[in-house]
Amino acid sequence: MNYTETAKVTSKGQVTIPSIIREILKLEPGSTIIFKVTEKGVLLSPCKIIEEPTYTAKEWRKIEKIVTERGKAYKTARSAKKHLDSL
């Protein structure tokens, strides 16, 4: 499918994706898109961001063990990770 539309870049570097393109790509408010620079130009494509867990199951078991044994609770994931790395 070939379809051509134009849009202007604002002073902030923003571009409004034309409505027909949003419909074709099924983009809704909050959708994530990826830009890929190729030899032929820029490819714009919808994508999904998949969050990966901060800790592995093994690390969570360590955290639970530490909390149970020492009664220690961490205020941030960073401080818990730092402690885990020191073990």
PDB file of N, CA and C in Angstrom:
ATOM      1  N   MET A   1       0.849  -1.169   0.000  1.00  0.00           N
ATOM      2  CA  MET A   1       0.000   0.000   0.000  1.00  0.00           C
ATOM      3  C   MET A   1       0.897   1.236   0.000  1.00  0.00           C
ATOM      4  N   ASN A   2       0.664   2.135  -0.907  1.00  0.00           N
ATOM      5  CA  ASN A   2       1.374   3.406  -0.947  1.00  0.00           C
ATOM      6  C   ASN A   2       0.394   4.524  -0.675  1.00  0.00           C
ATOM      7  N   TYR A   3       0.756   5.378   0.251  1.00  0.00           N
ATOM      8  CA  TYR A   3      -0.086   6.527   0.566  1.00  0.00           C
ATOM      9  C   TYR A   3       0.837   7.658   0.979  1.00  0.00           C
ATOM     10  N   THR A   4       0.630   8.828   0.453  1.00  0.00           N
ATOM     11  CA  THR A   4       1.505   9.956   0.736  1.00  0.00           C
ATOM     12  C   THR A   4       0.720  11.091   1.371  1.00  0.00           C
ATOM     13  N   GLU A   5       1.254  11.624   2.441  1.00  0.00           N
ATOM     14  CA  GLU A   5       0.695  12.798   3.122  1.00  0.00           C
ATOM     15  C   GLU A   5       1.863  13.678   3.527  1.00  0.00           C
ATOM     16  N   THR A   6       1.605  14.924   3.761  1.00  0.00           N
ATOM     17  CA  THR A   6       2.646  15.824   4.252  1.00  0.00           C
ATOM     18  C   THR A   6       2.228  16.422   5.583  1.00  0.00           C
ATOM     19  N   ALA A   7       3.219  16.875   6.347  1.00  0.00           N
ATOM     20  CA  ALA A   7       2.971  17.547   7.619  1.00  0.00           C
ATOM     21  C   ALA A   7       4.140  18.486   7.879  1.00  0.00           C
ATOM     22  N   LYS A   8       3.908  19.526   8.632  1.00  0.00           N
ATOM     23  CA  LYS A   8       4.964  20.477   8.964  1.00  0.00           C
ATOM     24  C   LYS A   8       5.534  20.161  10.340  1.00  0.00           C
ATOM     25  N   VAL A   9       6.810  20.435  10.492  1.00  0.00           N
ATOM     26  CA  VAL A   9       7.488  20.275  11.775  1.00  0.00           C
ATOM     27  C   VAL A   9       7.376  21.596  12.513  1.00  0.00           C
ATOM     28  N   THR A  10       6.953  21.538  13.789  1.00  0.00           N
ATOM     29  CA  THR A  10       6.832  22.758  14.591  1.00  0.00           C
ATOM     30  C   THR A  10       8.206  23.189  15.107  1.00  0.00           C
ATOM     31  N   SER A  11       8.255  24.338  15.738  1.00  0.00           N
ATOM     32  CA  SER A  11       9.517  24.835  16.303  1.00  0.00           C
ATOM     33  C   SER A  11      10.041  23.923  17.402  1.00  0.00           C
ATOM     34  N   LYS A  12       9.161  23.110  17.981  1.00  0.00           N
ATOM     35  CA  LYS A  12       9.566  22.153  19.020  1.00  0.00           C
ATOM     36  C   LYS A  12       9.913  20.787  18.432  1.00  0.00           C
ATOM     37  N   GLY A  13       9.898  20.663  17.101  1.00  0.00           N
ATOM     38  CA  GLY A  13      10.229  19.395  16.471  1.00  0.00           C
ATOM     39  C   GLY A  13       9.066  18.415  16.435  1.00  0.00           C
ATOM     40  N   GLN A  14       7.863  18.902  16.672  1.00  0.00           N
ATOM     41  CA  GLN A  14       6.698  18.027  16.687  1.00  0.00           C
ATOM     42  C   GLN A  14       6.015  17.991  15.328  1.00  0.00           C
ATOM     43  N   VAL A  15       5.411  16.830  15.033  1.00  0.00           N
ATOM     44  CA  VAL A  15       4.685  16.644  13.781  1.00  0.00           C
ATOM     45  C   VAL A  15       3.339  16.018  14.114  1.00  0.00           C
ATOM     46  N   THR A  16       2.277  16.508  13.487  1.00  0.00           N
ATOM     47  CA  THR A  16       0.974  15.875  13.639  1.00  0.00           C
ATOM     48  C   THR A  16       0.848  14.813  12.552  1.00  0.00           C
ATOM     49  N   ILE A  17       0.588  13.576  12.965  1.00  0.00           N
ATOM     50  CA  ILE A  17       0.398  12.500  11.993  1.00  0.00           C
ATOM     51  C   ILE A  17      -0.991  12.680  11.390  1.00  0.00           C
ATOM     52  N   PRO A  18      -1.084  12.794  10.068  1.00  0.00           N
ATOM     53  CA  PRO A  18      -2.392  13.000   9.434  1.00  0.00           C
ATOM     54  C   PRO A  18      -3.390  11.914   9.838  1.00  0.00           C
ATOM     55  N   SER A  19      -4.650  12.303   9.946  1.00  0.00           N
ATOM     56  CA  SER A  19      -5.683  11.394  10.440  1.00  0.00           C
ATOM     57  C   SER A  19      -5.800  10.119   9.614  1.00  0.00           C
ATOM     58  N   ILE A  20      -5.662  10.205   8.295  1.00  0.00           N
ATOM     59  CA  ILE A  20      -5.778   9.002   7.466  1.00  0.00           C
ATOM     60  C   ILE A  20      -4.652   8.012   7.797  1.00  0.00           C
ATOM     61  N   ILE A  21      -3.454   8.528   8.083  1.00  0.00           N
ATOM     62  CA  ILE A  21      -2.324   7.667   8.458  1.00  0.00           C
ATOM     63  C   ILE A  21      -2.581   7.048   9.825  1.00  0.00           C
ATOM     64  N   ARG A  22      -3.125   7.846  10.760  1.00  0.00           N
ATOM     65  CA  ARG A  22      -3.453   7.305  12.093  1.00  0.00           C
ATOM     66  C   ARG A  22      -4.483   6.198  11.975  1.00  0.00           C
ATOM     67  N   GLU A  23      -5.453   6.376  11.091  1.00  0.00           N
ATOM     68  CA  GLU A  23      -6.480   5.343  10.893  1.00  0.00           C
ATOM     69  C   GLU A  23      -5.871   4.070  10.305  1.00  0.00           C
ATOM     70  N   ILE A  24      -5.041   4.226   9.270  1.00  0.00           N
ATOM     71  CA  ILE A  24      -4.406   3.063   8.630  1.00  0.00           C
ATOM     72  C   ILE A  24      -3.566   2.292   9.633  1.00  0.00           C
ATOM     73  N   LEU A  25      -2.794   3.010  10.484  1.00  0.00           N
ATOM     74  CA  LEU A  25      -1.915   2.369  11.464  1.00  0.00           C
ATOM     75  C   LEU A  25      -2.620   2.013  12.769  1.00  0.00           C
ATOM     76  N   LYS A  26      -3.911   2.382  12.862  1.00  0.00           N
ATOM     77  CA  LYS A  26      -4.701   2.133  14.070  1.00  0.00           C
ATOM     78  C   LYS A  26      -4.051   2.769  15.299  1.00  0.00           C
ATOM     79  N   LEU A  27      -3.599   4.006  15.130  1.00  0.00           N
ATOM     80  CA  LEU A  27      -2.986   4.744  16.235  1.00  0.00           C
ATOM     81  C   LEU A  27      -4.068   5.481  17.004  1.00  0.00           C
ATOM     82  N   GLU A  28      -3.996   5.376  18.298  1.00  0.00           N
ATOM     83  CA  GLU A  28      -4.924   6.065  19.194  1.00  0.00           C
ATOM     84  C   GLU A  28      -4.117   6.939  20.138  1.00  0.00           C
ATOM     85  N   PRO A  29      -4.764   7.877  20.823  1.00  0.00           N
ATOM     86  CA  PRO A  29      -4.024   8.678  21.790  1.00  0.00           C
ATOM     87  C   PRO A  29      -3.287   7.757  22.780  1.00  0.00           C
ATOM     88  N   GLY A  30      -2.009   8.030  22.980  1.00  0.00           N
ATOM     89  CA  GLY A  30      -1.201   7.211  23.878  1.00  0.00           C
ATOM     90  C   GLY A  30      -0.460   6.090  23.171  1.00  0.00           C
ATOM     91  N   SER A  31      -0.740   5.878  21.879  1.00  0.00           N
ATOM     92  CA  SER A  31      -0.025   4.842  21.129  1.00  0.00           C
ATOM     93  C   SER A  31       1.451   5.188  21.062  1.00  0.00           C
ATOM     94  N   THR A  32       2.288   4.169  20.967  1.00  0.00           N
ATOM     95  CA  THR A  32       3.725   4.357  20.829  1.00  0.00           C
ATOM     96  C   THR A  32       4.118   4.018  19.400  1.00  0.00           C
ATOM     97  N   ILE A  33       4.996   4.844  18.840  1.00  0.00           N
ATOM     98  CA  ILE A  33       5.494   4.575  17.504  1.00  0.00           C
ATOM     99  C   ILE A  33       7.015   4.549  17.534  1.00  0.00           C
ATOM    100  N   ILE A  34       7.588   3.892  16.549  1.00  0.00           N
ATOM    101  CA  ILE A  34       9.042   3.824  16.441  1.00  0.00           C
ATOM    102  C   ILE A  34       9.443   4.457  15.115  1.00  0.00           C
ATOM    103  N   PHE A  35      10.550   5.179  15.127  1.00  0.00           N
ATOM    104  CA  PHE A  35      11.108   5.767  13.921  1.00  0.00           C
ATOM    105  C   PHE A  35      12.392   5.009  13.602  1.00  0.00           C
ATOM    106  N   LYS A  36      12.520   4.535  12.383  1.00  0.00           N
ATOM    107  CA  LYS A  36      13.730   3.836  11.965  1.00  0.00           C
ATOM    108  C   LYS A  36      14.267   4.522  10.718  1.00  0.00           C
ATOM    109  N   VAL A  37      15.517   4.982  10.787  1.00  0.00           N
ATOM    110  CA  VAL A  37      16.147   5.647   9.655  1.00  0.00           C
ATOM    111  C   VAL A  37      16.772   4.563   8.772  1.00  0.00           C
ATOM    112  N   THR A  38      16.378   4.548   7.497  1.00  0.00           N
ATOM    113  CA  THR A  38      16.908   3.583   6.535  1.00  0.00           C
ATOM    114  C   THR A  38      17.571   4.344   5.389  1.00  0.00           C
ATOM    115  N   GLU A  39      18.184   3.615   4.469  1.00  0.00           N
ATOM    116  CA  GLU A  39      18.804   4.258   3.317  1.00  0.00           C
ATOM    117  C   GLU A  39      17.764   4.940   2.435  1.00  0.00           C
ATOM    118  N   LYS A  40      16.540   4.438   2.447  1.00  0.00           N
ATOM    119  CA  LYS A  40      15.481   4.985   1.600  1.00  0.00           C
ATOM    120  C   LYS A  40      14.679   6.090   2.281  1.00  0.00           C
ATOM    121  N   GLY A  41      14.844   6.277   3.583  1.00  0.00           N
ATOM    122  CA  GLY A  41      14.089   7.297   4.296  1.00  0.00           C
ATOM    123  C   GLY A  41      13.820   6.871   5.726  1.00  0.00           C
ATOM    124  N   VAL A  42      12.750   7.393   6.292  1.00  0.00           N
ATOM    125  CA  VAL A  42      12.399   7.093   7.680  1.00  0.00           C
ATOM    126  C   VAL A  42      11.143   6.233   7.694  1.00  0.00           C
ATOM    127  N   LEU A  43      11.210   5.154   8.439  1.00  0.00           N
ATOM    128  CA  LEU A  43      10.076   4.245   8.597  1.00  0.00           C
ATOM    129  C   LEU A  43       9.399   4.551   9.930  1.00  0.00           C
ATOM    130  N   LEU A  44       8.117   4.807   9.904  1.00  0.00           N
ATOM    131  CA  LEU A  44       7.331   5.056  11.109  1.00  0.00           C
ATOM    132  C   LEU A  44       6.420   3.842  11.285  1.00  0.00           C
ATOM    133  N   SER A  45       6.449   3.252  12.462  1.00  0.00           N
ATOM    134  CA  SER A  45       5.661   2.043  12.671  1.00  0.00           C
ATOM    135  C   SER A  45       5.124   2.007  14.098  1.00  0.00           C
ATOM    136  N   PRO A  46       3.893   1.505  14.284  1.00  0.00           N
ATOM    137  CA  PRO A  46       3.396   1.350  15.658  1.00  0.00           C
ATOM    138  C   PRO A  46       4.209   0.276  16.369  1.00  0.00           C
ATOM    139  N   CYS A  47       4.354   0.412  17.660  1.00  0.00           N
ATOM    140  CA  CYS A  47       5.075  -0.609  18.433  1.00  0.00           C
ATOM    141  C   CYS A  47       4.506  -0.668  19.844  1.00  0.00           C
ATOM    142  N   LYS A  48       4.855  -1.715  20.544  1.00  0.00           N
ATOM    143  CA  LYS A  48       4.451  -1.861  21.938  1.00  0.00           C
ATOM    144  C   LYS A  48       5.704  -1.921  22.798  1.00  0.00           C
ATOM    145  N   ILE A  49       5.665  -1.203  23.895  1.00  0.00           N
ATOM    146  CA  ILE A  49       6.753  -1.229  24.860  1.00  0.00           C
ATOM    147  C   ILE A  49       6.385  -2.264  25.904  1.00  0.00           C
ATOM    148  N   ILE A  50       7.265  -3.235  26.095  1.00  0.00           N
ATOM    149  CA  ILE A  50       7.011  -4.287  27.073  1.00  0.00           C
ATOM    150  C   ILE A  50       7.969  -4.083  28.235  1.00  0.00           C
ATOM    151  N   GLU A  51       7.396  -3.849  29.388  1.00  0.00           N
ATOM    152  CA  GLU A  51       8.199  -3.620  30.575  1.00  0.00           C
ATOM    153  C   GLU A  51       8.757  -4.949  31.073  1.00  0.00           C
ATOM    154  N   GLU A  52      10.044  -4.940  31.350  1.00  0.00           N
ATOM    155  CA  GLU A  52      10.660  -6.140  31.892  1.00  0.00           C
ATOM    156  C   GLU A  52      10.730  -6.000  33.404  1.00  0.00           C
ATOM    157  N   PRO A  53      10.589  -7.126  34.110  1.00  0.00           N
ATOM    158  CA  PRO A  53      10.643  -7.061  35.576  1.00  0.00           C
ATOM    159  C   PRO A  53      11.995  -6.530  36.047  1.00  0.00           C
ATOM    160  N   THR A  54      11.950  -5.759  37.126  1.00  0.00           N
ATOM    161  CA  THR A  54      13.171  -5.205  37.694  1.00  0.00           C
ATOM    162  C   THR A  54      14.076  -6.302  38.231  1.00  0.00           C
ATOM    163  N   TYR A  55      13.472  -7.325  38.818  1.00  0.00           N
ATOM    164  CA  TYR A  55      14.231  -8.403  39.438  1.00  0.00           C
ATOM    165  C   TYR A  55      13.832  -9.751  38.854  1.00  0.00           C
ATOM    166  N   THR A  56      14.770 -10.676  38.877  1.00  0.00           N
ATOM    167  CA  THR A  56      14.472 -12.047  38.481  1.00  0.00           C
ATOM    168  C   THR A  56      13.761 -12.734  39.638  1.00  0.00           C
ATOM    169  N   ALA A  57      13.185 -13.898  39.376  1.00  0.00           N
ATOM    170  CA  ALA A  57      12.514 -14.650  40.447  1.00  0.00           C
ATOM    171  C   ALA A  57      13.511 -14.986  41.554  1.00  0.00           C
ATOM    172  N   LYS A  58      14.737 -15.293  41.161  1.00  0.00           N
ATOM    173  CA  LYS A  58      15.777 -15.616  42.154  1.00  0.00           C
ATOM    174  C   LYS A  58      16.081 -14.408  43.044  1.00  0.00           C
ATOM    175  N   GLU A  59      16.166 -13.219  42.433  1.00  0.00           N
ATOM    176  CA  GLU A  59      16.422 -12.006  43.213  1.00  0.00           C
ATOM    177  C   GLU A  59      15.262 -11.702  44.157  1.00  0.00           C
ATOM    178  N   TRP A  60      14.012 -11.897  43.695  1.00  0.00           N
ATOM    179  CA  TRP A  60      12.857 -11.665  44.568  1.00  0.00           C
ATOM    180  C   TRP A  60      12.890 -12.606  45.766  1.00  0.00           C
ATOM    181  N   ARG A  61      13.287 -13.858  45.546  1.00  0.00           N
ATOM    182  CA  ARG A  61      13.384 -14.794  46.683  1.00  0.00           C
ATOM    183  C   ARG A  61      14.416 -14.302  47.692  1.00  0.00           C
ATOM    184  N   LYS A  62      15.539 -13.774  47.204  1.00  0.00           N
ATOM    185  CA  LYS A  62      16.552 -13.221  48.100  1.00  0.00           C
ATOM    186  C   LYS A  62      15.983 -12.047  48.893  1.00  0.00           C
ATOM    187  N   ILE A  63      15.269 -11.175  48.215  1.00  0.00           N
ATOM    188  CA  ILE A  63      14.680 -10.006  48.883  1.00  0.00           C
ATOM    189  C   ILE A  63      13.701 -10.452  49.957  1.00  0.00           C
ATOM    190  N   GLU A  64      12.827 -11.382  49.608  1.00  0.00           N
ATOM    191  CA  GLU A  64      11.847 -11.879  50.581  1.00  0.00           C
ATOM    192  C   GLU A  64      12.543 -12.528  51.775  1.00  0.00           C
ATOM    193  N   LYS A  65      13.614 -13.266  51.526  1.00  0.00           N
ATOM    194  CA  LYS A  65      14.362 -13.899  52.614  1.00  0.00           C
ATOM    195  C   LYS A  65      14.983 -12.839  53.520  1.00  0.00           C
ATOM    196  N   ILE A  66      15.585 -11.827  52.917  1.00  0.00           N
ATOM    197  CA  ILE A  66      16.212 -10.757  53.700  1.00  0.00           C
ATOM    198  C   ILE A  66      15.179 -10.038  54.553  1.00  0.00           C
ATOM    199  N   VAL A  67      14.047  -9.713  53.967  1.00  0.00           N
ATOM    200  CA  VAL A  67      12.994  -8.996  54.698  1.00  0.00           C
ATOM    201  C   VAL A  67      12.492  -9.850  55.853  1.00  0.00           C
ATOM    202  N   THR A  68      12.294 -11.131  55.605  1.00  0.00           N
ATOM    203  CA  THR A  68      11.798 -12.027  56.645  1.00  0.00           C
ATOM    204  C   THR A  68      12.802 -12.171  57.783  1.00  0.00           C
ATOM    205  N   GLU A  69      14.068 -12.370  57.418  1.00  0.00           N
ATOM    206  CA  GLU A  69      15.098 -12.596  58.435  1.00  0.00           C
ATOM    207  C   GLU A  69      15.463 -11.338  59.204  1.00  0.00           C
ATOM    208  N   ARG A  70      15.569 -10.238  58.528  1.00  0.00           N
ATOM    209  CA  ARG A  70      16.070  -9.024  59.164  1.00  0.00           C
ATOM    210  C   ARG A  70      15.008  -7.972  59.388  1.00  0.00           C
ATOM    211  N   GLY A  71      13.835  -8.176  58.817  1.00  0.00           N
ATOM    212  CA  GLY A  71      12.779  -7.192  58.975  1.00  0.00           C
ATOM    213  C   GLY A  71      13.074  -5.891  58.249  1.00  0.00           C
ATOM    214  N   LYS A  72      13.944  -5.951  57.252  1.00  0.00           N
ATOM    215  CA  LYS A  72      14.352  -4.757  56.527  1.00  0.00           C
ATOM    216  C   LYS A  72      13.460  -4.546  55.314  1.00  0.00           C
ATOM    217  N   ALA A  73      12.985  -3.335  55.134  1.00  0.00           N
ATOM    218  CA  ALA A  73      12.214  -2.970  53.950  1.00  0.00           C
ATOM    219  C   ALA A  73      12.977  -1.868  53.222  1.00  0.00           C
ATOM    220  N   TYR A  74      13.025  -1.950  51.918  1.00  0.00           N
ATOM    221  CA  TYR A  74      13.748  -0.968  51.123  1.00  0.00           C
ATOM    222  C   TYR A  74      12.768   0.050  50.559  1.00  0.00           C
ATOM    223  N   LYS A  75      13.185   1.303  50.596  1.00  0.00           N
ATOM    224  CA  LYS A  75      12.308   2.374  50.125  1.00  0.00           C
ATOM    225  C   LYS A  75      12.312   2.497  48.606  1.00  0.00           C
ATOM    226  N   THR A  76      13.424   2.087  47.987  1.00  0.00           N
ATOM    227  CA  THR A  76      13.511   2.181  46.532  1.00  0.00           C
ATOM    228  C   THR A  76      14.046   0.877  45.960  1.00  0.00           C
ATOM    229  N   ALA A  77      13.716   0.643  44.700  1.00  0.00           N
ATOM    230  CA  ALA A  77      14.227  -0.539  44.009  1.00  0.00           C
ATOM    231  C   ALA A  77      15.740  -0.452  43.893  1.00  0.00           C
ATOM    232  N   ARG A  78      16.252   0.761  43.715  1.00  0.00           N
ATOM    233  CA  ARG A  78      17.703   0.937  43.577  1.00  0.00           C
ATOM    234  C   ARG A  78      18.441   0.494  44.849  1.00  0.00           C
ATOM    235  N   SER A  79      17.915   0.863  46.027  1.00  0.00           N
ATOM    236  CA  SER A  79      18.590   0.474  47.263  1.00  0.00           C
ATOM    237  C   SER A  79      18.504  -1.027  47.479  1.00  0.00           C
ATOM    238  N   ALA A  80      17.388  -1.639  47.119  1.00  0.00           N
ATOM    239  CA  ALA A  80      17.268  -3.098  47.242  1.00  0.00           C
ATOM    240  C   ALA A  80      18.234  -3.782  46.286  1.00  0.00           C
ATOM    241  N   LYS A  81      18.328  -3.283  45.061  1.00  0.00           N
ATOM    242  CA  LYS A  81      19.233  -3.857  44.059  1.00  0.00           C
ATOM    243  C   LYS A  81      20.676  -3.729  44.519  1.00  0.00           C
ATOM    244  N   LYS A  82      21.026  -2.588  45.091  1.00  0.00           N
ATOM    245  CA  LYS A  82      22.389  -2.375  45.574  1.00  0.00           C
ATOM    246  C   LYS A  82      22.731  -3.394  46.654  1.00  0.00           C
ATOM    247  N   HIS A  83      21.785  -3.634  47.569  1.00  0.00           N
ATOM    248  CA  HIS A  83      22.022  -4.610  48.621  1.00  0.00           C
ATOM    249  C   HIS A  83      22.158  -6.022  48.042  1.00  0.00           C
ATOM    250  N   LEU A  84      21.289  -6.360  47.095  1.00  0.00           N
ATOM    251  CA  LEU A  84      21.361  -7.681  46.465  1.00  0.00           C
ATOM    252  C   LEU A  84      22.699  -7.890  45.773  1.00  0.00           C
ATOM    253  N   ASP A  85      23.168  -6.868  45.103  1.00  0.00           N
ATOM    254  CA  ASP A  85      24.452  -6.983  44.400  1.00  0.00           C
ATOM    255  C   ASP A  85      25.603  -7.195  45.368  1.00  0.00           C
ATOM    256  N   SER A  86      25.453  -6.707  46.592  1.00  0.00           N
ATOM    257  CA  SER A  86      26.526  -6.876  47.576  1.00  0.00           C
ATOM    258  C   SER A  86      26.545  -8.266  48.209  1.00  0.00           C
ATOM    259  N   LEU A  87      25.487  -9.041  48.018  1.00  0.00           N
ATOM    260  CA  LEU A  87      25.431 -10.379  48.617  1.00  0.00           C
ATOM    261  C   LEU A  87      26.289 -11.379  47.867  1.00  0.00           C
TER     262      LEU A  87
END
